PDB file of N, CA and C in Angstrom:
ATOM      1  N   MET A   1      24.045  -1.721 -12.616  1.00  0.00           N
ATOM      2  CA  MET A   1      23.179  -1.079 -11.625  1.00  0.00           C
ATOM      3  C   MET A   1      21.757  -1.590 -11.812  1.00  0.00           C
ATOM      4  N   ASN A   2      21.133  -1.987 -10.741  1.00  0.00           N
ATOM      5  CA  ASN A   2      19.739  -2.427 -10.788  1.00  0.00           C
ATOM      6  C   ASN A   2      18.814  -1.239 -10.610  1.00  0.00           C
ATOM      7  N   LYS A   3      17.745  -1.261 -11.340  1.00  0.00           N
ATOM      8  CA  LYS A   3      16.724  -0.215 -11.188  1.00  0.00           C
ATOM      9  C   LYS A   3      15.592  -0.811 -10.369  1.00  0.00           C
ATOM     10  N   VAL A   4      15.573  -0.443  -9.090  1.00  0.00           N
ATOM     11  CA  VAL A   4      14.597  -0.989  -8.157  1.00  0.00           C
ATOM     12  C   VAL A   4      13.753   0.148  -7.613  1.00  0.00           C
ATOM     13  N   ALA A   5      12.445  -0.031  -7.656  1.00  0.00           N
ATOM     14  CA  ALA A   5      11.541   0.976  -7.111  1.00  0.00           C
ATOM     15  C   ALA A   5      11.373   0.740  -5.617  1.00  0.00           C
ATOM     16  N   LEU A   6      11.367   1.810  -4.863  1.00  0.00           N
ATOM     17  CA  LEU A   6      11.181   1.727  -3.426  1.00  0.00           C
ATOM     18  C   LEU A   6       9.810   2.284  -3.071  1.00  0.00           C
ATOM     19  N   ILE A   7       9.055   1.502  -2.327  1.00  0.00           N
ATOM     20  CA  ILE A   7       7.792   1.981  -1.775  1.00  0.00           C
ATOM     21  C   ILE A   7       8.102   2.278  -0.312  1.00  0.00           C
ATOM     22  N   PRO A   8       8.213   3.554   0.053  1.00  0.00           N
ATOM     23  CA  PRO A   8       8.683   3.905   1.397  1.00  0.00           C
ATOM     24  C   PRO A   8       7.886   3.245   2.526  1.00  0.00           C
ATOM     25  N   PHE A   9       6.571   3.278   2.465  1.00  0.00           N
ATOM     26  CA  PHE A   9       5.752   2.638   3.499  1.00  0.00           C
ATOM     27  C   PHE A   9       4.493   2.107   2.828  1.00  0.00           C
ATOM     28  N   LEU A  10       4.472   0.817   2.611  1.00  0.00           N
ATOM     29  CA  LEU A  10       3.377   0.162   1.889  1.00  0.00           C
ATOM     30  C   LEU A  10       2.018   0.458   2.511  1.00  0.00           C
ATOM     31  N   LEU A  11       1.956   0.517   3.816  1.00  0.00           N
ATOM     32  CA  LEU A  11       0.672   0.694   4.513  1.00  0.00           C
ATOM     33  C   LEU A  11       0.355   2.151   4.851  1.00  0.00           C
ATOM     34  N   GLU A  12       0.959   3.080   4.133  1.00  0.00           N
ATOM     35  CA  GLU A  12       0.701   4.510   4.353  1.00  0.00           C
ATOM     36  C   GLU A  12      -0.795   4.789   4.269  1.00  0.00           C
ATOM     37  N   GLY A  13      -1.338   5.410   5.305  1.00  0.00           N
ATOM     38  CA  GLY A  13      -2.759   5.742   5.331  1.00  0.00           C
ATOM     39  C   GLY A  13      -3.655   4.598   5.782  1.00  0.00           C
ATOM     40  N   VAL A  14      -3.077   3.415   5.967  1.00  0.00           N
ATOM     41  CA  VAL A  14      -3.854   2.231   6.354  1.00  0.00           C
ATOM     42  C   VAL A  14      -3.400   1.705   7.713  1.00  0.00           C
ATOM     43  N   GLY A  15      -2.096   1.577   7.880  1.00  0.00           N
ATOM     44  CA  GLY A  15      -1.550   1.036   9.122  1.00  0.00           C
ATOM     45  C   GLY A  15      -1.982   1.843  10.327  1.00  0.00           C
ATOM     46  N   GLY A  16      -2.496   1.158  11.329  1.00  0.00           N
ATOM     47  CA  GLY A  16      -2.930   1.830  12.549  1.00  0.00           C
ATOM     48  C   GLY A  16      -4.337   2.377  12.508  1.00  0.00           C
ATOM     49  N   ASN A  17      -4.997   2.272  11.357  1.00  0.00           N
ATOM     50  CA  ASN A  17      -6.371   2.759  11.235  1.00  0.00           C
ATOM     51  C   ASN A  17      -7.322   1.567  11.346  1.00  0.00           C
ATOM     52  N   PRO A  18      -8.011   1.424  12.467  1.00  0.00           N
ATOM     53  CA  PRO A  18      -8.875   0.253  12.666  1.00  0.00           C
ATOM     54  C   PRO A  18     -10.001   0.136  11.645  1.00  0.00           C
ATOM     55  N   ASP A  19     -10.407   1.240  11.044  1.00  0.00           N
ATOM     56  CA  ASP A  19     -11.468   1.194  10.031  1.00  0.00           C
ATOM     57  C   ASP A  19     -10.994   0.575   8.720  1.00  0.00           C
ATOM     58  N   LEU A  20      -9.680   0.491   8.525  1.00  0.00           N
ATOM     59  CA  LEU A  20      -9.127  -0.014   7.274  1.00  0.00           C
ATOM     60  C   LEU A  20      -8.423  -1.358   7.446  1.00  0.00           C
ATOM     61  N   ASN A  21      -8.524  -1.930   8.638  1.00  0.00           N
ATOM     62  CA  ASN A  21      -7.863  -3.203   8.919  1.00  0.00           C
ATOM     63  C   ASN A  21      -8.860  -4.246   9.396  1.00  0.00           C
ATOM     64  N   GLN A  22      -8.483  -5.497   9.182  1.00  0.00           N
ATOM     65  CA  GLN A  22      -9.289  -6.602   9.680  1.00  0.00           C
ATOM     66  C   GLN A  22      -9.205  -6.633  11.202  1.00  0.00           C
ATOM     67  N   GLN A  23      -9.987  -7.499  11.813  1.00  0.00           N
ATOM     68  CA  GLN A  23     -10.044  -7.559  13.275  1.00  0.00           C
ATOM     69  C   GLN A  23      -8.700  -7.885  13.914  1.00  0.00           C
ATOM     70  N   ASP A  24      -7.796  -8.528  13.163  1.00  0.00           N
ATOM     71  CA  ASP A  24      -6.487  -8.840  13.735  1.00  0.00           C
ATOM     72  C   ASP A  24      -5.621  -7.595  13.907  1.00  0.00           C
ATOM     73  N   GLY A  25      -6.045  -6.480  13.306  1.00  0.00           N
ATOM     74  CA  GLY A  25      -5.314  -5.230  13.428  1.00  0.00           C
ATOM     75  C   GLY A  25      -4.040  -5.172  12.616  1.00  0.00           C
ATOM     76  N   ILE A  26      -3.793  -6.187  11.813  1.00  0.00           N
ATOM     77  CA  ILE A  26      -2.557  -6.256  11.031  1.00  0.00           C
ATOM     78  C   ILE A  26      -2.835  -6.163   9.533  1.00  0.00           C
ATOM     79  N   HIS A  27      -3.808  -6.929   9.079  1.00  0.00           N
ATOM     80  CA  HIS A  27      -4.075  -7.050   7.644  1.00  0.00           C
ATOM     81  C   HIS A  27      -5.164  -6.088   7.192  1.00  0.00           C
ATOM     82  N   PRO A  28      -4.961  -5.427   6.054  1.00  0.00           N
ATOM     83  CA  PRO A  28      -5.970  -4.509   5.538  1.00  0.00           C
ATOM     84  C   PRO A  28      -7.258  -5.236   5.155  1.00  0.00           C
ATOM     85  N   ASN A  29      -8.377  -4.561   5.348  1.00  0.00           N
ATOM     86  CA  ASN A  29      -9.645  -5.076   4.845  1.00  0.00           C
ATOM     87  C   ASN A  29      -9.775  -4.626   3.386  1.00  0.00           C
ATOM     88  N   ALA A  30     -10.935  -4.808   2.790  1.00  0.00           N
ATOM     89  CA  ALA A  30     -11.113  -4.477   1.368  1.00  0.00           C
ATOM     90  C   ALA A  30     -10.831  -2.996   1.097  1.00  0.00           C
ATOM     91  N   ALA A  31     -11.334  -2.132   1.957  1.00  0.00           N
ATOM     92  CA  ALA A  31     -11.102  -0.691   1.763  1.00  0.00           C
ATOM     93  C   ALA A  31      -9.619  -0.356   1.932  1.00  0.00           C
ATOM     94  N   GLY A  32      -8.981  -0.973   2.910  1.00  0.00           N
ATOM     95  CA  GLY A  32      -7.554  -0.740   3.131  1.00  0.00           C
ATOM     96  C   GLY A  32      -6.711  -1.264   1.982  1.00  0.00           C
ATOM     97  N   ALA A  33      -7.119  -2.402   1.422  1.00  0.00           N
ATOM     98  CA  ALA A  33      -6.374  -2.989   0.300  1.00  0.00           C
ATOM     99  C   ALA A  33      -6.395  -2.070  -0.916  1.00  0.00           C
ATOM    100  N   LYS A  34      -7.485  -1.364  -1.109  1.00  0.00           N
ATOM    101  CA  LYS A  34      -7.552  -0.405  -2.224  1.00  0.00           C
ATOM    102  C   LYS A  34      -6.530   0.710  -2.040  1.00  0.00           C
ATOM    103  N   ILE A  35      -6.369   1.168  -0.815  1.00  0.00           N
ATOM    104  CA  ILE A  35      -5.385   2.218  -0.541  1.00  0.00           C
ATOM    105  C   ILE A  35      -3.973   1.686  -0.728  1.00  0.00           C
ATOM    106  N   VAL A  36      -3.725   0.458  -0.265  1.00  0.00           N
ATOM    107  CA  VAL A  36      -2.412  -0.159  -0.462  1.00  0.00           C
ATOM    108  C   VAL A  36      -2.106  -0.263  -1.961  1.00  0.00           C
ATOM    109  N   ALA A  37      -3.101  -0.677  -2.741  1.00  0.00           N
ATOM    110  CA  ALA A  37      -2.908  -0.784  -4.191  1.00  0.00           C
ATOM    111  C   ALA A  37      -2.571   0.581  -4.793  1.00  0.00           C
ATOM    112  N   LEU A  38      -3.223   1.629  -4.333  1.00  0.00           N
ATOM    113  CA  LEU A  38      -2.911   2.976  -4.826  1.00  0.00           C
ATOM    114  C   LEU A  38      -1.496   3.394  -4.423  1.00  0.00           C
ATOM    115  N   ASN A  39      -1.082   3.023  -3.216  1.00  0.00           N
ATOM    116  CA  ASN A  39       0.287   3.336  -2.782  1.00  0.00           C
ATOM    117  C   ASN A  39       1.311   2.681  -3.703  1.00  0.00           C
ATOM    118  N   VAL A  40       1.042   1.448  -4.076  1.00  0.00           N
ATOM    119  CA  VAL A  40       1.943   0.732  -4.986  1.00  0.00           C
ATOM    120  C   VAL A  40       1.899   1.363  -6.371  1.00  0.00           C
ATOM    121  N   TRP A  41       0.711   1.673  -6.843  1.00  0.00           N
ATOM    122  CA  TRP A  41       0.563   2.227  -8.184  1.00  0.00           C
ATOM    123  C   TRP A  41       1.267   3.575  -8.322  1.00  0.00           C
ATOM    124  N   LYS A  42       1.261   4.392  -7.267  1.00  0.00           N
ATOM    125  CA  LYS A  42       1.961   5.683  -7.322  1.00  0.00           C
ATOM    126  C   LYS A  42       3.427   5.519  -7.700  1.00  0.00           C
ATOM    127  N   ILE A  43       4.016   4.417  -7.266  1.00  0.00           N
ATOM    128  CA  ILE A  43       5.428   4.149  -7.552  1.00  0.00           C
ATOM    129  C   ILE A  43       5.606   3.460  -8.897  1.00  0.00           C
ATOM    130  N   LEU A  44       4.729   2.519  -9.207  1.00  0.00           N
ATOM    131  CA  LEU A  44       4.916   1.697 -10.402  1.00  0.00           C
ATOM    132  C   LEU A  44       4.388   2.313 -11.694  1.00  0.00           C
ATOM    133  N   LYS A  45       3.503   3.290 -11.591  1.00  0.00           N
ATOM    134  CA  LYS A  45       2.868   3.824 -12.806  1.00  0.00           C
ATOM    135  C   LYS A  45       3.881   4.352 -13.821  1.00  0.00           C
ATOM    136  N   ASP A  46       4.940   4.967 -13.358  1.00  0.00           N
ATOM    137  CA  ASP A  46       5.940   5.494 -14.280  1.00  0.00           C
ATOM    138  C   ASP A  46       6.844   4.398 -14.836  1.00  0.00           C
ATOM    139  N   ILE A  47       6.976   3.310 -14.112  1.00  0.00           N
ATOM    140  CA  ILE A  47       7.803   2.198 -14.553  1.00  0.00           C
ATOM    141  C   ILE A  47       7.086   1.345 -15.601  1.00  0.00           C
ATOM    142  N   CYS A  48       5.759   1.284 -15.489  1.00  0.00           N
ATOM    143  CA  CYS A  48       4.946   0.410 -16.336  1.00  0.00           C
ATOM    144  C   CYS A  48       4.536   1.051 -17.645  1.00  0.00           C
ATOM    145  N   LYS A  49       5.239   2.038 -18.092  1.00  0.00           N
ATOM    146  CA  LYS A  49       4.896   2.713 -19.353  1.00  0.00           C
ATOM    147  C   LYS A  49       5.471   1.983 -20.524  1.00  0.00           C
TER     148      LYS A  49
END
């Protein structure tokens, strides 16, 4: 059995928010990237012990 962590929605809190995305409306800007990193860390923090 593989132990794989699932991040339900990587862009939670960022996707669809124009203040957190670059002008293309797809990629996070610096502020959005920080939120994405926190979303990932919420899942990985227990694995990285």
